[in-house]
Amino acid sequence: MNDVTKQSKSLAEWLVYVEALHPKSIVMGLDRVKEVANRLNLSCKFPLISVAGTNGKGSTCAMLERIYLQAGYRVGTYTSPHLKHYNERVRINHQQASDEALCEAFSALELARGDVVLTYFEMGTLAAMWHFERSNLDVVILEVGMGGRLDAVNVFEPTCSIITSVDLDHMEYLGDSREKIGFEKAGVYRKAKLAICGDINPPQTVIDYANHIQADLRLIGRDFSVSKILEGWQYQSNRALLTMPPLGFQGEFQLNNAACAICAVENLLDLLPLDTATIGETLKTIKLLGRFYQIGQNPEIIVDVAHNPQAAISLAHNLAQQPCQGRTLGVFAMLADKDIAQVVNALTPQIACWYLADSQSLRGATAKTLASYLKPQIEAGIAKEYPCVTDALHAACKEANKNDRIIVFGSFYTVADAIDVLNVQGI
């Protein structure tokens, strides 16, 4: 047993220890996680909603959390990754778990796992559930880390499962097509349980898997729908027609995420009753740091974690829909294992000047690598390289006029660096 378990240690020390446990950050398979979950006797007596998808998971979890919290329920929420503090991942009633609570959970988990080696995410997932089970909760919302079928979250039996969207990402683990990735994500569905899909054009594998296991499948565009209207938007199903004020989140794609959340809520009313007429007022003020989030003015500064082609297309659409009077300056850092070319292609029409930065992550791409995808911009002098996001953002702020707009994007690491530079509070 490591010294970290022999005496009281800080959360920071626990996280260093947990990260070093397994030689790989991602290992597909559930056997090890199931074994330790059984040793911990994690029974999940509360209704549980799992949320998978290429993009939109965090937003959907945030909307579900706010709806149930507003209705008076005690809500546990587990999401990843975090921006500034690990505690962001584990929340009860929208309040981050304390260092002490997380240390207690990791200590219990360490005693239970014995010689079973778990990854950082697997340890975090089990620790979150251990904490939730001791917190007298009415409902728990779990964000799937990657894929679904073999993700640690999938050890637990959901009352309802949501797939927000399916696109190309994590292809080295999930497959090189939407059909293969869709099959992996569909693994969160369960027989006779509510299974929601918010992808307008879902891979056939998602539908086939749901039908094969006889899940209670609800598809957007077939079983429920969303539409924009002059004064806001509408959600419609065979059970309800709800007229909503404008959504707090920016971007039309967020309406699909909201529709998934409402579909779950209205179909779980027997378990978790609430007044659906209040949902619109609940959602109109909700925002999530890192999802087209404005944190500065004159010049306007927006941060967005967009890190794959689908997210980049959505970001480009948001920028086009909300033009600024001046130029749009892009502070860009990204992970090397992502589809840099497609992200650049999606955003090139919207960005006048590029500030390319080395990512500080071990998986990060260098500014020089990013520049190789922007050769015309480099030659034209409208793309420059910087050793870090801090330097790139400082340069953009120095060169921006008050009518310009700065968009910081490319990964959670990029946004985390930016909010440190800008001293954003309240996370």
Protein backbone atom coordinates (compact mmCIF):
# COMPACT_ATOMS: atom_id res chain seq x y z
CA MET A 1 0.00 0.00 0.00
CA ASN A 2 1.39 3.42 -0.91
CA ASP A 3 2.21 5.95 1.83
CA VAL A 4 -0.64 8.12 0.55
CA THR A 5 -3.10 5.73 2.22
CA LYS A 6 -1.32 5.57 5.57
CA GLN A 7 -2.03 9.10 6.72
CA SER A 8 -4.17 12.09 5.92
CA LYS A 9 -3.14 13.55 2.58
CA SER A 10 -4.30 16.49 0.53
CA LEU A 11 -6.49 16.13 -2.53
CA ALA A 12 -3.58 17.27 -4.69
CA GLU A 13 -1.46 14.42 -3.33
CA TRP A 14 -4.26 11.92 -3.90
CA LEU A 15 -4.65 13.05 -7.51
CA VAL A 16 -0.93 12.66 -8.18
CA TYR A 17 -1.08 9.17 -6.70
CA VAL A 18 -4.24 8.20 -8.63
CA GLU A 19 -2.82 9.46 -11.92
CA ALA A 20 0.29 7.31 -11.49
CA LEU A 21 -1.58 4.09 -10.65
CA HIS A 22 -2.08 2.87 -14.20
CA PRO A 23 0.53 3.20 -16.97
CA LYS A 24 -2.22 4.22 -19.43
CA SER A 25 -4.72 7.05 -19.14
CA ILE A 26 -7.40 5.15 -21.08
CA VAL A 27 -8.03 1.41 -20.88
CA MET A 28 -11.14 -0.05 -22.47
CA GLY A 29 -13.06 -2.65 -20.45
CA LEU A 30 -15.30 -2.84 -17.40
CA ASP A 31 -14.23 -5.97 -15.53
CA ARG A 32 -11.80 -4.22 -13.19
CA VAL A 33 -14.23 -1.38 -12.45
CA LYS A 34 -17.10 -3.80 -11.81
CA GLU A 35 -14.99 -5.80 -9.38
CA VAL A 36 -14.10 -2.77 -7.28
CA ALA A 37 -17.66 -1.36 -7.47
CA ASN A 38 -18.90 -4.68 -6.07
CA ARG A 39 -16.32 -4.57 -3.28
CA LEU A 40 -17.56 -1.08 -2.39
CA ASN A 41 -21.17 -2.34 -2.51
CA LEU A 42 -22.25 0.55 -4.71
CA SER A 43 -25.95 -0.18 -5.12
CA CYS A 44 -27.23 3.04 -6.76
CA LYS A 45 -30.63 3.23 -5.07
CA PHE A 46 -31.40 6.63 -6.66
CA PRO A 47 -32.66 7.24 -10.24
CA LEU A 48 -29.60 7.59 -12.46
CA ILE A 49 -29.34 9.40 -15.81
CA SER A 50 -26.26 8.69 -17.94
CA VAL A 51 -25.32 11.10 -20.74
CA ALA A 52 -23.08 10.07 -23.64
CA GLY A 53 -22.27 11.79 -26.93
CA THR A 54 -19.48 13.35 -28.96
CA ASN A 55 -20.55 16.89 -28.07
CA GLY A 56 -23.23 18.33 -25.81
CA LYS A 57 -22.79 16.01 -22.83
CA GLY A 58 -21.73 18.69 -20.38
CA SER A 59 -24.46 21.10 -21.47
CA THR A 60 -27.15 18.43 -21.19
CA CYS A 61 -25.94 17.41 -17.73
CA ALA A 62 -25.97 21.06 -16.63
CA MET A 63 -29.55 21.51 -17.86
CA LEU A 64 -30.77 18.35 -16.15
CA GLU A 65 -29.01 19.37 -12.96
CA ARG A 66 -30.62 22.82 -12.98
CA ILE A 67 -34.12 21.52 -13.77
CA TYR A 68 -34.12 19.00 -10.94
CA LEU A 69 -32.44 21.38 -8.51
CA GLN A 70 -35.04 24.06 -9.25
CA ALA A 71 -37.76 21.47 -8.61
CA GLY A 72 -36.43 20.92 -5.10
CA TYR A 73 -34.56 17.64 -5.54
CA ARG A 74 -31.14 16.80 -4.15
CA VAL A 75 -29.02 16.29 -7.26
CA GLY A 76 -25.63 14.67 -7.71
CA THR A 77 -23.72 15.43 -10.92
CA TYR A 78 -20.49 13.88 -12.21
CA THR A 79 -18.81 15.44 -15.25
CA SER A 80 -15.38 15.58 -16.86
CA PRO A 81 -12.93 17.00 -17.55
CA HIS A 82 -12.56 19.96 -15.20
CA LEU A 83 -11.25 23.42 -16.02
CA LYS A 84 -9.57 24.72 -12.85
CA HIS A 85 -10.23 22.36 -9.94
CA TYR A 86 -10.84 18.63 -9.82
CA ASN A 87 -13.77 19.28 -7.44
CA GLU A 88 -15.75 20.66 -10.42
CA ARG A 89 -16.30 17.06 -11.52
CA VAL A 90 -18.30 16.04 -8.44
CA ARG A 91 -21.21 18.27 -7.43
CA ILE A 92 -24.17 18.03 -5.07
CA ASN A 93 -26.87 20.62 -5.63
CA HIS A 94 -24.45 22.43 -7.95
CA GLN A 95 -21.89 22.78 -5.15
CA GLN A 96 -18.48 21.23 -5.70
CA ALA A 97 -17.47 18.41 -3.39
CA SER A 98 -15.00 19.48 -0.73
CA ASP A 99 -11.38 18.33 -0.71
CA GLU A 100 -12.14 16.41 2.50
CA ALA A 101 -15.08 14.54 0.94
CA LEU A 102 -13.05 13.54 -2.11
CA CYS A 103 -10.08 12.44 -0.01
CA GLU A 104 -12.41 10.28 2.08
CA ALA A 105 -13.82 8.73 -1.10
CA PHE A 106 -10.38 8.01 -2.57
CA SER A 107 -9.25 6.50 0.73
CA ALA A 108 -12.26 4.14 0.83
CA LEU A 109 -11.67 3.22 -2.80
CA GLU A 110 -7.98 2.55 -2.21
CA LEU A 111 -8.77 0.17 0.65
CA ALA A 112 -11.35 -1.67 -1.47
CA ARG A 113 -9.45 -2.09 -4.72
CA GLY A 114 -6.63 -4.23 -3.33
CA ASP A 115 -4.38 -5.24 -6.23
CA VAL A 116 -6.84 -4.15 -8.95
CA VAL A 117 -5.21 -1.40 -11.00
CA LEU A 118 -7.54 1.38 -12.17
CA THR A 119 -7.06 4.41 -14.39
CA TYR A 120 -7.43 8.01 -13.24
CA PHE A 121 -10.94 8.27 -14.74
CA GLU A 122 -12.02 4.91 -13.32
CA MET A 123 -10.84 5.89 -9.84
CA GLY A 124 -12.60 9.24 -10.15
CA THR A 125 -15.87 7.67 -11.29
CA LEU A 126 -15.97 5.16 -8.44
CA ALA A 127 -14.99 7.82 -5.89
CA ALA A 128 -17.79 10.09 -7.11
CA MET A 129 -20.36 7.30 -6.80
CA TRP A 130 -19.10 6.36 -3.33
CA HIS A 131 -19.60 9.98 -2.28
CA PHE A 132 -23.05 10.20 -3.90
CA GLU A 133 -24.27 7.08 -2.11
CA ARG A 134 -23.53 8.75 1.22
CA SER A 135 -25.20 12.05 0.37
CA ASN A 136 -28.95 11.28 0.52
CA LEU A 137 -29.63 12.16 -3.12
CA ASP A 138 -32.86 12.03 -5.11
CA VAL A 139 -31.28 11.76 -8.58
CA VAL A 140 -27.78 11.41 -10.03
CA ILE A 141 -26.57 12.56 -13.45
CA LEU A 142 -23.42 10.94 -14.86
CA GLU A 143 -21.50 12.18 -17.90
CA VAL A 144 -19.86 9.37 -19.86
CA GLY A 145 -16.17 10.03 -20.33
CA MET A 146 -15.62 8.47 -23.75
CA GLY A 147 -17.74 6.19 -25.90
CA GLY A 148 -20.20 4.40 -23.66
CA ARG A 149 -20.15 0.62 -23.90
CA LEU A 150 -16.77 0.25 -22.16
CA ASP A 151 -16.69 3.52 -20.22
CA ALA A 152 -16.43 3.29 -16.43
CA VAL A 153 -19.75 5.12 -16.01
CA ASN A 154 -21.46 2.22 -17.79
CA VAL A 155 -20.82 -0.06 -14.82
CA PHE A 156 -23.86 1.50 -13.17
CA GLU A 157 -27.40 0.73 -14.26
CA PRO A 158 -29.13 3.85 -15.60
CA THR A 159 -32.80 4.66 -15.26
CA CYS A 160 -32.44 6.68 -18.46
CA SER A 161 -29.62 6.98 -20.99
CA ILE A 162 -29.04 9.86 -23.41
CA ILE A 163 -26.85 10.10 -26.49
CA THR A 164 -26.60 13.76 -27.47
CA SER A 165 -24.68 13.47 -30.75
CA VAL A 166 -22.39 11.15 -32.68
CA ASP A 167 -19.39 12.35 -34.66
CA LEU A 168 -15.76 11.51 -35.33
CA ASP A 169 -13.61 11.78 -32.20
CA HIS A 170 -11.44 9.40 -30.15
CA MET A 171 -11.26 7.27 -33.29
CA GLU A 172 -8.23 5.32 -32.07
CA TYR A 173 -10.48 3.84 -29.38
CA LEU A 174 -14.02 4.01 -30.78
CA GLY A 175 -13.60 3.36 -34.51
CA ASP A 176 -13.12 5.34 -37.70
CA SER A 177 -16.77 5.87 -38.72
CA ARG A 178 -19.94 7.28 -37.21
CA GLU A 179 -21.48 3.81 -37.40
CA LYS A 180 -18.71 2.26 -35.30
CA ILE A 181 -18.70 5.15 -32.84
CA GLY A 182 -22.49 5.06 -32.64
CA PHE A 183 -22.38 1.39 -31.66
CA GLU A 184 -19.97 2.17 -28.83
CA LYS A 185 -22.14 5.00 -27.55
CA ALA A 186 -25.33 2.93 -27.82
CA GLY A 187 -23.83 0.61 -25.20
CA VAL A 188 -25.23 2.94 -22.52
CA TYR A 189 -28.78 1.88 -23.43
CA ARG A 190 -30.58 -0.79 -21.39
CA LYS A 191 -33.43 -3.21 -22.05
CA ALA A 192 -36.86 -1.69 -21.32
CA LYS A 193 -35.24 1.52 -20.06
CA LEU A 194 -35.65 5.01 -21.50
CA ALA A 195 -33.08 5.52 -24.28
CA ILE A 196 -32.91 9.01 -25.84
CA CYS A 197 -30.96 10.10 -28.93
CA GLY A 198 -30.60 13.78 -29.82
CA ASP A 199 -28.65 13.29 -33.06
CA ILE A 200 -30.78 14.49 -35.98
CA ASN A 201 -29.16 11.90 -38.24
CA PRO A 202 -28.28 9.04 -35.89
CA PRO A 203 -26.08 6.20 -37.10
CA GLN A 204 -28.17 3.12 -37.88
CA THR A 205 -26.09 1.22 -35.33
CA VAL A 206 -27.63 3.31 -32.54
CA ILE A 207 -31.16 2.46 -33.66
CA ASP A 208 -30.35 -1.18 -34.35
CA TYR A 209 -28.73 -1.71 -30.97
CA ALA A 210 -31.59 -0.05 -29.11
CA ASN A 211 -34.12 -2.16 -30.97
CA HIS A 212 -32.08 -5.33 -30.49
CA ILE A 213 -32.01 -4.99 -26.70
CA GLN A 214 -35.61 -3.69 -26.65
CA ALA A 215 -34.77 -0.33 -25.13
CA ASP A 216 -37.49 2.33 -24.93
CA LEU A 217 -35.96 4.41 -27.72
CA ARG A 218 -36.93 8.06 -28.24
CA LEU A 219 -35.46 9.81 -31.29
CA ILE A 220 -35.37 13.54 -31.86
CA GLY A 221 -37.35 14.37 -34.99
CA ARG A 222 -39.50 11.26 -34.55
CA ASP A 223 -40.66 11.04 -30.93
CA PHE A 224 -39.88 14.56 -29.83
CA SER A 225 -38.84 17.74 -31.61
CA VAL A 226 -37.64 21.28 -31.09
CA SER A 227 -38.20 24.40 -33.19
CA LYS A 228 -37.30 28.07 -33.01
CA ILE A 229 -40.10 30.61 -32.83
CA LEU A 230 -40.03 34.42 -32.79
CA GLU A 231 -40.15 34.75 -29.01
CA GLY A 232 -38.02 31.71 -28.17
CA TRP A 233 -38.45 28.02 -28.96
CA GLN A 234 -40.80 25.10 -28.57
CA TYR A 235 -40.45 21.51 -27.39
CA GLN A 236 -43.05 19.03 -28.62
CA SER A 237 -43.75 15.37 -27.97
CA ASN A 238 -46.85 13.22 -27.81
CA ARG A 239 -47.07 14.19 -24.13
CA ALA A 240 -46.38 17.90 -24.20
CA LEU A 241 -46.08 21.15 -26.13
CA LEU A 242 -43.89 23.58 -24.22
CA THR A 243 -43.20 27.15 -25.34
CA MET A 244 -39.91 28.44 -23.94
CA PRO A 245 -38.13 31.78 -23.68
CA PRO A 246 -34.71 31.99 -25.39
CA LEU A 247 -32.21 29.47 -24.05
CA GLY A 248 -29.33 30.76 -21.94
CA PHE A 249 -26.84 28.71 -23.96
CA GLN A 250 -25.77 30.16 -27.31
CA GLY A 251 -26.16 28.13 -30.50
CA GLU A 252 -29.03 26.34 -32.19
CA PHE A 253 -27.44 22.94 -31.50
CA GLN A 254 -28.03 23.59 -27.79
CA LEU A 255 -31.76 23.36 -28.45
CA ASN A 256 -31.27 19.67 -29.32
CA ASN A 257 -29.42 19.18 -26.02
CA ALA A 258 -32.22 20.95 -24.16
CA ALA A 259 -34.79 18.76 -25.94
CA CYS A 260 -32.95 15.61 -24.78
CA ALA A 261 -33.00 16.88 -21.20
CA ILE A 262 -36.73 17.69 -21.36
CA CYS A 263 -37.52 14.33 -22.96
CA ALA A 264 -35.80 12.62 -20.02
CA VAL A 265 -37.59 14.80 -17.48
CA GLU A 266 -41.08 14.33 -18.94
CA ASN A 267 -40.67 10.56 -19.21
CA LEU A 268 -39.42 10.27 -15.63
CA LEU A 269 -42.26 12.26 -14.08
CA ASP A 270 -43.59 9.19 -12.29
CA LEU A 271 -40.26 8.85 -10.47
CA LEU A 272 -39.38 12.53 -10.22
CA PRO A 273 -42.51 14.69 -10.43
CA LEU A 274 -42.14 18.38 -11.27
CA ASP A 275 -43.99 21.20 -13.01
CA THR A 276 -42.77 21.12 -16.63
CA ALA A 277 -44.19 24.62 -17.16
CA THR A 278 -41.27 26.01 -15.14
CA ILE A 279 -38.55 24.45 -17.30
CA GLY A 280 -38.27 27.38 -19.71
CA GLU A 281 -37.66 29.91 -16.93
CA THR A 282 -35.09 27.56 -15.41
CA LEU A 283 -33.12 27.18 -18.64
CA LYS A 284 -33.20 30.78 -19.86
CA THR A 285 -30.40 31.91 -17.54
CA ILE A 286 -28.21 28.81 -17.58
CA LYS A 287 -24.68 29.10 -18.93
CA LEU A 288 -21.64 26.85 -18.78
CA LEU A 289 -18.10 28.14 -18.75
CA GLY A 290 -16.31 27.08 -21.91
CA ARG A 291 -19.41 26.75 -24.09
CA PHE A 292 -19.38 29.96 -26.17
CA TYR A 293 -18.98 31.84 -22.89
CA GLN A 294 -18.31 35.57 -22.87
CA ILE A 295 -15.81 36.70 -20.23
CA GLY A 296 -14.72 40.11 -21.48
CA GLN A 297 -15.83 43.22 -23.34
CA ASN A 298 -14.14 45.95 -25.41
CA PRO A 299 -12.78 43.79 -26.90
CA GLU A 300 -15.25 40.96 -26.40
CA ILE A 301 -13.54 37.74 -25.27
CA ILE A 302 -15.28 34.38 -25.71
CA VAL A 303 -13.99 30.97 -24.63
CA ASP A 304 -15.12 27.71 -26.19
CA VAL A 305 -13.74 24.20 -25.64
CA ALA A 306 -14.47 23.19 -29.26
CA HIS A 307 -11.96 20.40 -29.95
CA ASN A 308 -13.39 18.28 -32.78
CA PRO A 309 -14.92 18.97 -36.22
CA GLN A 310 -18.56 18.91 -35.09
CA ALA A 311 -17.87 21.33 -32.25
CA ALA A 312 -15.81 23.57 -34.53
CA ILE A 313 -18.65 23.77 -37.05
CA SER A 314 -21.03 24.77 -34.26
CA LEU A 315 -18.58 27.40 -33.04
CA ALA A 316 -18.19 28.79 -36.56
CA HIS A 317 -21.97 28.97 -36.88
CA ASN A 318 -22.24 30.87 -33.59
CA LEU A 319 -19.59 33.35 -34.72
CA ALA A 320 -21.34 33.86 -38.07
CA GLN A 321 -24.73 34.32 -36.40
CA GLN A 322 -23.35 36.96 -34.04
CA PRO A 323 -20.97 39.10 -36.11
CA CYS A 324 -18.89 41.76 -34.38
CA GLN A 325 -18.16 45.26 -35.70
CA GLY A 326 -14.44 44.58 -35.96
CA ARG A 327 -12.28 41.52 -36.55
CA THR A 328 -12.40 38.10 -34.93
CA LEU A 329 -9.03 37.10 -33.50
CA GLY A 330 -8.50 33.41 -32.73
CA VAL A 331 -6.31 32.17 -29.87
CA PHE A 332 -5.88 28.51 -30.73
CA ALA A 333 -4.23 25.55 -28.96
CA MET A 334 -5.21 21.94 -29.45
CA LEU A 335 -4.32 18.34 -28.66
CA ALA A 336 -2.18 16.54 -31.22
CA ASP A 337 -4.47 13.49 -31.44
CA LYS A 338 -7.47 15.54 -32.58
CA ASP A 339 -8.52 16.36 -36.16
CA ILE A 340 -6.69 19.68 -36.43
CA ALA A 341 -7.23 20.01 -40.18
CA GLN A 342 -11.03 19.84 -39.99
CA VAL A 343 -11.20 22.20 -37.02
CA VAL A 344 -9.06 24.74 -38.88
CA ASN A 345 -11.13 24.34 -42.06
CA ALA A 346 -14.36 24.97 -40.16
CA LEU A 347 -13.14 28.17 -38.51
CA THR A 348 -10.89 29.73 -41.15
CA PRO A 349 -13.77 31.72 -42.76
CA GLN A 350 -14.57 33.34 -39.40
CA ILE A 351 -11.11 34.20 -38.06
CA ALA A 352 -9.16 37.21 -39.35
CA CYS A 353 -5.97 36.67 -37.31
CA TRP A 354 -4.63 33.55 -35.62
CA TYR A 355 -2.57 33.38 -32.41
CA LEU A 356 -1.25 29.83 -32.30
CA ALA A 357 0.00 28.43 -29.00
CA ASP A 358 1.77 25.34 -27.74
CA SER A 359 -0.58 23.26 -25.61
CA GLN A 360 0.85 22.50 -22.18
CA SER A 361 -0.80 19.07 -22.09
CA LEU A 362 1.36 15.99 -22.62
CA ARG A 363 -0.91 15.24 -25.60
CA GLY A 364 -0.71 18.79 -26.86
CA ALA A 365 0.21 19.96 -30.35
CA THR A 366 2.86 22.63 -30.78
CA ALA A 367 2.17 26.00 -32.35
CA LYS A 368 4.46 24.94 -35.18
CA THR A 369 2.25 21.92 -35.85
CA LEU A 370 -0.85 24.11 -35.89
CA ALA A 371 0.93 26.52 -38.25
CA SER A 372 1.45 23.70 -40.76
CA TYR A 373 -2.33 23.72 -41.29
CA LEU A 374 -2.41 27.50 -41.76
CA LYS A 375 0.40 28.12 -44.24
CA PRO A 376 -1.42 30.82 -46.28
CA GLN A 377 -2.21 32.71 -43.07
CA ILE A 378 1.41 32.39 -41.87
CA GLU A 379 2.68 33.70 -45.21
CA ALA A 380 0.21 36.58 -45.09
CA GLY A 381 1.33 37.53 -41.59
CA ILE A 382 -2.07 36.90 -40.02
CA ALA A 383 -0.99 33.84 -38.04
CA LYS A 384 1.75 33.88 -35.41
CA GLU A 385 3.22 31.28 -33.07
CA TYR A 386 3.56 31.55 -29.28
CA PRO A 387 5.02 29.22 -26.62
CA CYS A 388 1.85 29.15 -24.51
CA VAL A 389 -1.79 30.24 -24.40
CA THR A 390 -0.91 32.99 -21.91
CA ASP A 391 1.46 34.67 -24.36
CA ALA A 392 -0.91 34.20 -27.29
CA LEU A 393 -3.85 35.70 -25.39
CA HIS A 394 -1.78 38.63 -24.15
CA ALA A 395 -0.69 39.34 -27.73
CA ALA A 396 -4.27 39.15 -29.01
CA CYS A 397 -5.51 41.50 -26.28
CA LYS A 398 -2.70 43.96 -27.01
CA GLU A 399 -3.41 44.02 -30.75
CA ALA A 400 -7.23 43.97 -30.57
CA ASN A 401 -9.32 47.09 -31.02
CA LYS A 402 -12.35 47.69 -28.81
CA ASN A 403 -14.71 46.59 -31.61
CA ASP A 404 -12.79 43.36 -32.24
CA ARG A 405 -13.62 39.97 -30.77
CA ILE A 406 -11.22 37.36 -29.38
CA ILE A 407 -12.25 33.71 -29.43
CA VAL A 408 -10.12 31.31 -27.36
CA PHE A 409 -10.69 27.69 -28.36
CA GLY A 410 -9.32 24.23 -29.11
CA SER A 411 -9.47 22.21 -25.88
CA PHE A 412 -10.39 22.26 -22.20
CA TYR A 413 -6.71 22.95 -21.48
CA THR A 414 -6.80 26.01 -23.73
CA VAL A 415 -9.86 27.44 -21.99
CA ALA A 416 -8.43 26.61 -18.54
CA ASP A 417 -5.28 28.58 -19.36
CA ALA A 418 -7.37 31.50 -20.62
CA ILE A 419 -9.55 31.72 -17.51
CA ASP A 420 -6.41 31.74 -15.38
CA VAL A 421 -5.02 34.65 -17.40
CA LEU A 422 -8.32 36.53 -17.19
CA ASN A 423 -8.83 35.65 -13.50
CA VAL A 424 -12.32 34.30 -14.01
CA GLN A 425 -13.96 33.50 -10.69
CA GLY A 426 -16.98 31.52 -9.56
CA ILE A 427 -16.20 28.19 -11.22
